[in-house]
Amino acid sequence: WVCGMLATAHALLQRCAGSSGLASRVAVTACAFPFRKMSLRASEAVKAWVSAQDPATFQYTRAENGRMHSPRLSRRKQAHMIKAAILKGEIELEPTVMPEPMRFKGHKRERDRPVRQALIVQKMAEMPKMIEEYRAARAATKAKQRADNRFK
């Protein structure tokens, strides 16, 4: 989600600009370090462009009588205006930092499965020896019981 807006803007640029080179203004790079979540409006280039516009269009204003007036454009229309400025080339976005995808944690049984499977293979390899030892011990116990019962 973090770079969703910037990725959307990049895709929009690629679609609209085609081979004119406008799409090369937005570079998407991969990086392994964490970063703060960022919307399109949090970009420094967008902030600079918005501050150069009429303040009443993008910000709440206070009238002479002290009352607050909402911006002339809603947030949705402001976003459309910003995207149109990006497409026109008035705003040049800085490179986007993409996070490394989070490792899927999964269930504990899924994480432990390879170790458990290796242990099962090891135990199955030892199984014939264990069966022989069990049968020998069982035969010895039976022979002792027979000998004890014979002389009672």
N, C-alpha and C. Protein backbone atom coordinates (compact mmCIF):
# COMPACT_ATOMS: atom_id res chain seq x y z
N TRP A 1 0.81 -1.18 0.00
CA TRP A 1 0.00 0.00 0.00
C TRP A 1 0.86 1.25 0.00
N VAL A 2 2.01 1.15 0.67
CA VAL A 2 2.84 2.32 0.90
C VAL A 2 3.13 3.06 -0.39
N CYS A 3 3.56 2.35 -1.37
CA CYS A 3 3.93 3.01 -2.62
C CYS A 3 2.85 2.84 -3.67
N GLY A 4 1.67 2.49 -3.23
CA GLY A 4 0.57 2.25 -4.16
C GLY A 4 0.27 3.45 -5.02
N MET A 5 0.19 4.61 -4.38
CA MET A 5 -0.12 5.83 -5.14
C MET A 5 0.99 6.16 -6.12
N LEU A 6 2.26 6.03 -5.65
CA LEU A 6 3.37 6.34 -6.53
C LEU A 6 3.46 5.32 -7.66
N ALA A 7 3.19 4.06 -7.33
CA ALA A 7 3.20 3.03 -8.37
C ALA A 7 2.07 3.28 -9.36
N THR A 8 0.91 3.73 -8.84
CA THR A 8 -0.21 4.06 -9.71
C THR A 8 0.17 5.22 -10.63
N ALA A 9 0.81 6.23 -10.04
CA ALA A 9 1.24 7.37 -10.85
C ALA A 9 2.25 6.93 -11.90
N HIS A 10 3.14 6.02 -11.52
CA HIS A 10 4.15 5.52 -12.46
C HIS A 10 3.47 4.76 -13.59
N ALA A 11 2.50 3.90 -13.24
CA ALA A 11 1.78 3.15 -14.27
C ALA A 11 1.00 4.09 -15.18
N LEU A 12 0.40 5.12 -14.56
CA LEU A 12 -0.35 6.11 -15.33
C LEU A 12 0.57 6.83 -16.32
N LEU A 13 1.77 7.17 -15.83
CA LEU A 13 2.74 7.84 -16.70
C LEU A 13 3.14 6.95 -17.85
N GLN A 14 3.39 5.69 -17.56
CA GLN A 14 3.80 4.77 -18.62
C GLN A 14 2.70 4.60 -19.65
N ARG A 15 1.44 4.51 -19.17
CA ARG A 15 0.33 4.30 -20.08
C ARG A 15 0.09 5.53 -20.95
N CYS A 16 0.11 6.71 -20.32
CA CYS A 16 -0.22 7.93 -21.05
C CYS A 16 0.94 8.46 -21.89
N ALA A 17 2.16 8.32 -21.33
CA ALA A 17 3.30 8.92 -22.02
C ALA A 17 3.81 8.02 -23.14
N GLY A 18 3.64 6.73 -22.97
CA GLY A 18 4.13 5.81 -23.99
C GLY A 18 5.63 5.89 -24.13
N SER A 19 6.12 6.12 -25.31
CA SER A 19 7.57 6.13 -25.54
C SER A 19 8.13 7.55 -25.56
N SER A 20 7.36 8.53 -25.07
CA SER A 20 7.83 9.92 -25.13
C SER A 20 8.89 10.23 -24.09
N GLY A 21 9.16 9.31 -23.18
CA GLY A 21 10.20 9.53 -22.18
C GLY A 21 9.69 10.14 -20.90
N LEU A 22 8.40 10.47 -20.83
CA LEU A 22 7.84 11.05 -19.62
C LEU A 22 7.82 10.02 -18.49
N ALA A 23 7.67 8.76 -18.86
CA ALA A 23 7.60 7.72 -17.84
C ALA A 23 8.93 7.52 -17.13
N SER A 24 10.01 7.94 -17.74
CA SER A 24 11.31 7.75 -17.11
C SER A 24 11.53 8.73 -15.96
N ARG A 25 10.63 9.65 -15.74
CA ARG A 25 10.78 10.63 -14.66
C ARG A 25 10.57 10.00 -13.29
N VAL A 26 9.85 8.89 -13.26
CA VAL A 26 9.58 8.23 -11.99
C VAL A 26 10.33 6.91 -11.99
N ALA A 27 11.28 6.77 -11.11
CA ALA A 27 12.06 5.54 -11.04
C ALA A 27 11.59 4.73 -9.84
N VAL A 28 11.38 3.46 -10.03
CA VAL A 28 10.98 2.59 -8.95
C VAL A 28 12.15 1.67 -8.66
N THR A 29 12.66 1.75 -7.43
CA THR A 29 13.82 0.94 -7.07
C THR A 29 13.47 0.06 -5.89
N ALA A 30 14.23 -1.02 -5.73
CA ALA A 30 14.02 -1.93 -4.60
C ALA A 30 15.07 -1.66 -3.54
N CYS A 31 14.67 -1.80 -2.29
CA CYS A 31 15.60 -1.53 -1.20
C CYS A 31 15.22 -2.41 -0.02
N ALA A 32 16.18 -2.73 0.83
CA ALA A 32 15.92 -3.65 1.93
C ALA A 32 15.68 -2.94 3.26
N PHE A 33 15.89 -1.62 3.36
CA PHE A 33 15.72 -0.96 4.65
C PHE A 33 14.30 -0.45 4.82
N PRO A 34 13.82 -0.40 6.08
CA PRO A 34 12.44 0.05 6.31
C PRO A 34 12.31 1.55 6.09
N PHE A 35 11.11 2.00 5.83
CA PHE A 35 10.86 3.41 5.59
C PHE A 35 9.45 3.74 6.06
N ARG A 36 9.17 5.02 6.21
CA ARG A 36 7.84 5.40 6.68
C ARG A 36 6.84 5.27 5.54
N LYS A 37 5.60 5.07 5.91
CA LYS A 37 4.56 4.97 4.89
C LYS A 37 4.36 6.34 4.27
N MET A 38 4.19 6.36 2.96
CA MET A 38 4.14 7.65 2.29
C MET A 38 3.03 7.67 1.25
N SER A 39 2.26 8.75 1.27
CA SER A 39 1.24 8.92 0.25
C SER A 39 1.81 9.84 -0.82
N LEU A 40 1.07 10.01 -1.89
CA LEU A 40 1.52 10.87 -2.97
C LEU A 40 1.65 12.31 -2.48
N ARG A 41 0.77 12.73 -1.57
CA ARG A 41 0.80 14.09 -1.04
C ARG A 41 2.00 14.33 -0.13
N ALA A 42 2.60 13.26 0.41
CA ALA A 42 3.74 13.41 1.32
C ALA A 42 5.04 13.62 0.55
N SER A 43 5.01 13.46 -0.75
CA SER A 43 6.20 13.66 -1.57
C SER A 43 6.61 15.13 -1.52
N GLU A 44 7.90 15.38 -1.41
CA GLU A 44 8.41 16.76 -1.33
C GLU A 44 8.08 17.55 -2.59
N ALA A 45 8.15 16.91 -3.75
CA ALA A 45 7.85 17.59 -5.01
C ALA A 45 6.38 18.02 -5.05
N VAL A 46 5.50 17.15 -4.57
CA VAL A 46 4.07 17.47 -4.56
C VAL A 46 3.80 18.59 -3.55
N LYS A 47 4.44 18.53 -2.39
CA LYS A 47 4.26 19.58 -1.38
C LYS A 47 4.68 20.94 -1.94
N ALA A 48 5.80 20.96 -2.65
CA ALA A 48 6.29 22.22 -3.23
C ALA A 48 5.31 22.74 -4.27
N TRP A 49 4.78 21.85 -5.09
CA TRP A 49 3.83 22.26 -6.13
C TRP A 49 2.54 22.79 -5.50
N VAL A 50 2.05 22.10 -4.47
CA VAL A 50 0.81 22.52 -3.79
C VAL A 50 1.01 23.88 -3.13
N SER A 51 2.17 24.09 -2.52
CA SER A 51 2.40 25.38 -1.85
C SER A 51 2.48 26.53 -2.85
N ALA A 52 2.82 26.23 -4.11
CA ALA A 52 2.88 27.28 -5.13
C ALA A 52 1.49 27.62 -5.67
N GLN A 53 0.49 26.77 -5.40
CA GLN A 53 -0.87 27.00 -5.87
C GLN A 53 -1.60 27.95 -4.92
N ASP A 54 -2.83 28.30 -5.30
CA ASP A 54 -3.67 29.15 -4.45
C ASP A 54 -3.98 28.39 -3.16
N PRO A 55 -3.67 28.96 -1.97
CA PRO A 55 -3.89 28.22 -0.72
C PRO A 55 -5.35 27.84 -0.48
N ALA A 56 -6.28 28.65 -0.95
CA ALA A 56 -7.70 28.34 -0.72
C ALA A 56 -8.14 27.09 -1.46
N THR A 57 -7.40 26.68 -2.49
CA THR A 57 -7.77 25.50 -3.26
C THR A 57 -7.47 24.23 -2.48
N PHE A 58 -6.37 24.22 -1.71
CA PHE A 58 -5.91 22.99 -1.07
C PHE A 58 -6.01 23.00 0.46
N GLN A 59 -6.17 24.18 1.10
CA GLN A 59 -6.12 24.24 2.56
C GLN A 59 -7.36 24.93 3.12
N TYR A 60 -7.62 24.63 4.40
CA TYR A 60 -8.67 25.35 5.11
C TYR A 60 -8.18 26.78 5.33
N THR A 61 -9.09 27.74 5.20
CA THR A 61 -8.72 29.14 5.41
C THR A 61 -9.64 29.76 6.46
N ARG A 62 -9.14 30.80 7.11
CA ARG A 62 -9.92 31.49 8.13
C ARG A 62 -10.35 32.84 7.57
N ALA A 63 -11.63 33.10 7.61
CA ALA A 63 -12.17 34.37 7.11
C ALA A 63 -11.91 35.48 8.14
N GLU A 64 -12.24 36.72 7.74
CA GLU A 64 -12.02 37.87 8.63
C GLU A 64 -12.85 37.75 9.91
N ASN A 65 -14.01 37.14 9.80
CA ASN A 65 -14.87 37.02 10.98
C ASN A 65 -14.48 35.84 11.87
N GLY A 66 -13.40 35.11 11.51
CA GLY A 66 -12.90 34.03 12.34
C GLY A 66 -13.42 32.65 11.96
N ARG A 67 -14.35 32.59 11.04
CA ARG A 67 -14.90 31.29 10.65
C ARG A 67 -13.95 30.57 9.69
N MET A 68 -13.97 29.24 9.76
CA MET A 68 -13.13 28.43 8.89
C MET A 68 -13.88 28.10 7.60
N HIS A 69 -13.16 28.18 6.49
CA HIS A 69 -13.74 27.79 5.20
C HIS A 69 -12.99 26.56 4.69
N SER A 70 -13.75 25.59 4.19
CA SER A 70 -13.10 24.39 3.64
C SER A 70 -12.39 24.73 2.35
N PRO A 71 -11.46 23.85 1.94
CA PRO A 71 -10.78 24.08 0.66
C PRO A 71 -11.78 24.10 -0.49
N ARG A 72 -11.42 24.80 -1.56
CA ARG A 72 -12.34 24.88 -2.70
C ARG A 72 -12.53 23.52 -3.36
N LEU A 73 -11.50 22.69 -3.35
CA LEU A 73 -11.58 21.37 -3.95
C LEU A 73 -11.57 20.29 -2.86
N SER A 74 -12.36 19.24 -3.08
CA SER A 74 -12.34 18.12 -2.14
C SER A 74 -11.02 17.38 -2.28
N ARG A 75 -10.73 16.48 -1.33
CA ARG A 75 -9.48 15.73 -1.38
C ARG A 75 -9.40 14.90 -2.66
N ARG A 76 -10.53 14.36 -3.09
CA ARG A 76 -10.55 13.55 -4.32
C ARG A 76 -10.17 14.41 -5.52
N LYS A 77 -10.77 15.60 -5.62
CA LYS A 77 -10.47 16.49 -6.74
C LYS A 77 -9.03 17.02 -6.66
N GLN A 78 -8.55 17.23 -5.42
CA GLN A 78 -7.15 17.63 -5.25
C GLN A 78 -6.22 16.54 -5.77
N ALA A 79 -6.55 15.29 -5.47
CA ALA A 79 -5.73 14.17 -5.94
C ALA A 79 -5.73 14.11 -7.46
N HIS A 80 -6.90 14.34 -8.08
CA HIS A 80 -6.97 14.36 -9.56
C HIS A 80 -6.10 15.49 -10.12
N MET A 81 -6.13 16.63 -9.46
CA MET A 81 -5.35 17.78 -9.91
C MET A 81 -3.84 17.48 -9.81
N ILE A 82 -3.43 16.84 -8.72
CA ILE A 82 -2.02 16.48 -8.53
C ILE A 82 -1.58 15.48 -9.60
N LYS A 83 -2.43 14.47 -9.87
CA LYS A 83 -2.08 13.47 -10.87
C LYS A 83 -2.01 14.08 -12.26
N ALA A 84 -2.90 15.04 -12.54
CA ALA A 84 -2.86 15.72 -13.84
C ALA A 84 -1.56 16.52 -13.97
N ALA A 85 -1.13 17.14 -12.86
CA ALA A 85 0.12 17.90 -12.89
C ALA A 85 1.31 16.97 -13.11
N ILE A 86 1.25 15.78 -12.54
CA ILE A 86 2.33 14.80 -12.75
C ILE A 86 2.37 14.40 -14.22
N LEU A 87 1.19 14.17 -14.80
CA LEU A 87 1.14 13.77 -16.20
C LEU A 87 1.63 14.87 -17.14
N LYS A 88 1.34 16.13 -16.77
CA LYS A 88 1.80 17.25 -17.60
C LYS A 88 3.30 17.49 -17.46
N GLY A 89 3.87 16.97 -16.39
CA GLY A 89 5.30 17.17 -16.15
C GLY A 89 5.58 18.34 -15.24
N GLU A 90 4.56 18.94 -14.64
CA GLU A 90 4.76 20.05 -13.71
C GLU A 90 5.39 19.56 -12.41
N ILE A 91 5.12 18.30 -12.05
CA ILE A 91 5.69 17.70 -10.84
C ILE A 91 6.58 16.55 -11.27
N GLU A 92 7.82 16.57 -10.82
CA GLU A 92 8.72 15.45 -11.07
C GLU A 92 8.89 14.70 -9.76
N LEU A 93 8.39 13.47 -9.72
CA LEU A 93 8.47 12.68 -8.50
C LEU A 93 9.88 12.15 -8.29
N GLU A 94 10.28 12.08 -7.02
CA GLU A 94 11.58 11.50 -6.70
C GLU A 94 11.46 9.98 -6.75
N PRO A 95 12.58 9.25 -6.79
CA PRO A 95 12.53 7.79 -6.86
C PRO A 95 11.79 7.20 -5.66
N THR A 96 11.07 6.15 -5.92
CA THR A 96 10.29 5.49 -4.89
C THR A 96 11.11 4.36 -4.28
N VAL A 97 11.02 4.22 -2.98
CA VAL A 97 11.72 3.14 -2.29
C VAL A 97 10.71 2.03 -2.04
N MET A 98 10.97 0.88 -2.61
CA MET A 98 10.06 -0.25 -2.43
C MET A 98 10.58 -1.14 -1.31
N PRO A 99 9.72 -1.60 -0.40
CA PRO A 99 10.19 -2.44 0.70
C PRO A 99 10.44 -3.87 0.23
N GLU A 100 11.27 -4.57 0.99
CA GLU A 100 11.45 -5.99 0.73
C GLU A 100 10.18 -6.66 1.24
N PRO A 101 9.61 -7.59 0.48
CA PRO A 101 8.37 -8.21 0.94
C PRO A 101 8.57 -8.91 2.28
N MET A 102 7.56 -8.81 3.13
CA MET A 102 7.66 -9.44 4.44
C MET A 102 7.64 -10.96 4.27
N ARG A 103 8.43 -11.63 5.13
CA ARG A 103 8.47 -13.09 5.10
C ARG A 103 7.15 -13.60 5.64
N PHE A 104 6.55 -14.56 4.91
CA PHE A 104 5.28 -15.11 5.36
C PHE A 104 5.52 -15.99 6.57
N LYS A 105 4.91 -15.65 7.68
CA LYS A 105 5.15 -16.36 8.93
C LYS A 105 4.57 -17.76 8.89
N GLY A 106 3.35 -17.90 8.43
CA GLY A 106 2.73 -19.22 8.35
C GLY A 106 2.39 -19.78 9.73
N HIS A 107 2.01 -21.07 9.76
CA HIS A 107 1.70 -21.74 11.00
C HIS A 107 2.95 -22.41 11.54
N LYS A 108 2.97 -22.63 12.85
CA LYS A 108 4.15 -23.24 13.47
C LYS A 108 4.39 -24.63 12.90
N ARG A 109 3.34 -25.37 12.67
CA ARG A 109 3.52 -26.72 12.14
C ARG A 109 4.15 -26.69 10.75
N GLU A 110 3.82 -25.64 9.96
CA GLU A 110 4.43 -25.52 8.63
C GLU A 110 5.91 -25.15 8.73
N ARG A 111 6.25 -24.30 9.70
CA ARG A 111 7.65 -23.91 9.87
C ARG A 111 8.49 -25.08 10.39
N ASP A 112 7.88 -25.92 11.25
CA ASP A 112 8.62 -27.04 11.85
C ASP A 112 8.60 -28.29 10.97
N ARG A 113 7.84 -28.28 9.90
CA ARG A 113 7.67 -29.48 9.08
C ARG A 113 8.98 -30.06 8.54
N PRO A 114 9.91 -29.27 7.98
CA PRO A 114 11.14 -29.88 7.44
C PRO A 114 11.98 -30.58 8.52
N VAL A 115 12.07 -29.98 9.71
CA VAL A 115 12.83 -30.60 10.80
C VAL A 115 12.16 -31.90 11.22
N ARG A 116 10.85 -31.85 11.30
CA ARG A 116 10.10 -33.04 11.72
C ARG A 116 10.23 -34.16 10.70
N GLN A 117 10.16 -33.80 9.41
CA GLN A 117 10.30 -34.81 8.36
C GLN A 117 11.69 -35.46 8.40
N ALA A 118 12.73 -34.65 8.64
CA ALA A 118 14.09 -35.19 8.74
C ALA A 118 14.20 -36.14 9.92
N LEU A 119 13.57 -35.78 11.04
CA LEU A 119 13.59 -36.64 12.22
C LEU A 119 12.87 -37.95 11.94
N ILE A 120 11.75 -37.90 11.22
CA ILE A 120 10.99 -39.10 10.88
C ILE A 120 11.84 -40.01 9.99
N VAL A 121 12.52 -39.45 9.00
CA VAL A 121 13.38 -40.25 8.11
C VAL A 121 14.49 -40.92 8.91
N GLN A 122 15.09 -40.17 9.85
CA GLN A 122 16.16 -40.73 10.69
C GLN A 122 15.63 -41.88 11.55
N LYS A 123 14.47 -41.68 12.16
CA LYS A 123 13.88 -42.71 13.02
C LYS A 123 13.48 -43.95 12.21
N MET A 124 12.97 -43.73 10.99
CA MET A 124 12.59 -44.87 10.15
C MET A 124 13.82 -45.68 9.72
N ALA A 125 14.96 -45.01 9.55
CA ALA A 125 16.19 -45.72 9.20
C ALA A 125 16.64 -46.61 10.37
N GLU A 126 16.39 -46.18 11.60
CA GLU A 126 16.76 -46.95 12.79
C GLU A 126 15.72 -48.01 13.15
N MET A 127 14.57 -47.99 12.48
CA MET A 127 13.45 -48.85 12.87
C MET A 127 13.75 -50.36 12.80
N PRO A 128 14.38 -50.90 11.74
CA PRO A 128 14.63 -52.35 11.73
C PRO A 128 15.47 -52.81 12.93
N LYS A 129 16.48 -52.00 13.30
CA LYS A 129 17.33 -52.33 14.45
C LYS A 129 16.50 -52.33 15.72
N MET A 130 15.63 -51.34 15.88
CA MET A 130 14.79 -51.25 17.07
C MET A 130 13.82 -52.44 17.15
N ILE A 131 13.28 -52.84 15.98
CA ILE A 131 12.34 -53.98 15.95
C ILE A 131 13.07 -55.26 16.39
N GLU A 132 14.28 -55.46 15.89
CA GLU A 132 15.07 -56.64 16.28
C GLU A 132 15.35 -56.65 17.78
N GLU A 133 15.74 -55.49 18.32
CA GLU A 133 16.01 -55.39 19.77
C GLU A 133 14.74 -55.69 20.55
N TYR A 134 13.59 -55.16 20.11
CA TYR A 134 12.32 -55.39 20.80
C TYR A 134 11.97 -56.87 20.77
N ARG A 135 12.10 -57.49 19.60
CA ARG A 135 11.75 -58.92 19.48
C ARG A 135 12.67 -59.79 20.34
N ALA A 136 13.96 -59.42 20.38
CA ALA A 136 14.90 -60.19 21.20
C ALA A 136 14.56 -60.03 22.68
N ALA A 137 14.24 -58.80 23.11
CA ALA A 137 13.88 -58.56 24.50
C ALA A 137 12.59 -59.28 24.85
N ARG A 138 11.63 -59.25 23.94
CA ARG A 138 10.34 -59.91 24.17
C ARG A 138 10.52 -61.43 24.25
N ALA A 139 11.34 -61.96 23.37
CA ALA A 139 11.62 -63.41 23.40
C ALA A 139 12.31 -63.80 24.70
N ALA A 140 13.25 -62.97 25.15
CA ALA A 140 13.95 -63.26 26.41
C ALA A 140 12.97 -63.22 27.58
N THR A 141 12.07 -62.24 27.60
CA THR A 141 11.07 -62.14 28.66
C THR A 141 10.15 -63.36 28.65
N LYS A 142 9.71 -63.78 27.46
CA LYS A 142 8.82 -64.96 27.35
C LYS A 142 9.54 -66.21 27.82
N ALA A 143 10.81 -66.36 27.42
CA ALA A 143 11.58 -67.55 27.83
C ALA A 143 11.73 -67.59 29.34
N LYS A 144 11.98 -66.42 29.98
CA LYS A 144 12.13 -66.36 31.44
C LYS A 144 10.82 -66.72 32.12
N GLN A 145 9.68 -66.18 31.58
CA GLN A 145 8.37 -66.48 32.17
C GLN A 145 8.06 -67.99 32.04
N ARG A 146 8.41 -68.55 30.88
CA ARG A 146 8.18 -69.99 30.67
C ARG A 146 8.99 -70.81 31.67
N ALA A 147 10.24 -70.40 31.85
CA ALA A 147 11.12 -71.14 32.77
C ALA A 147 10.60 -71.01 34.21
N ASP A 148 10.14 -69.82 34.58
CA ASP A 148 9.61 -69.62 35.92
C ASP A 148 8.32 -70.41 36.13
N ASN A 149 7.46 -70.44 35.12
CA ASN A 149 6.17 -71.14 35.25
C ASN A 149 6.35 -72.65 35.22
N ARG A 150 7.43 -73.13 34.62
CA ARG A 150 7.64 -74.57 34.46
C ARG A 150 7.88 -75.23 35.82
N PHE A 151 8.57 -74.58 36.75
CA PHE A 151 8.96 -75.22 38.00
C PHE A 151 8.11 -74.79 39.19
N LYS A 152 6.94 -74.27 38.97
CA LYS A 152 6.08 -73.87 40.09
C LYS A 152 5.27 -75.00 40.59
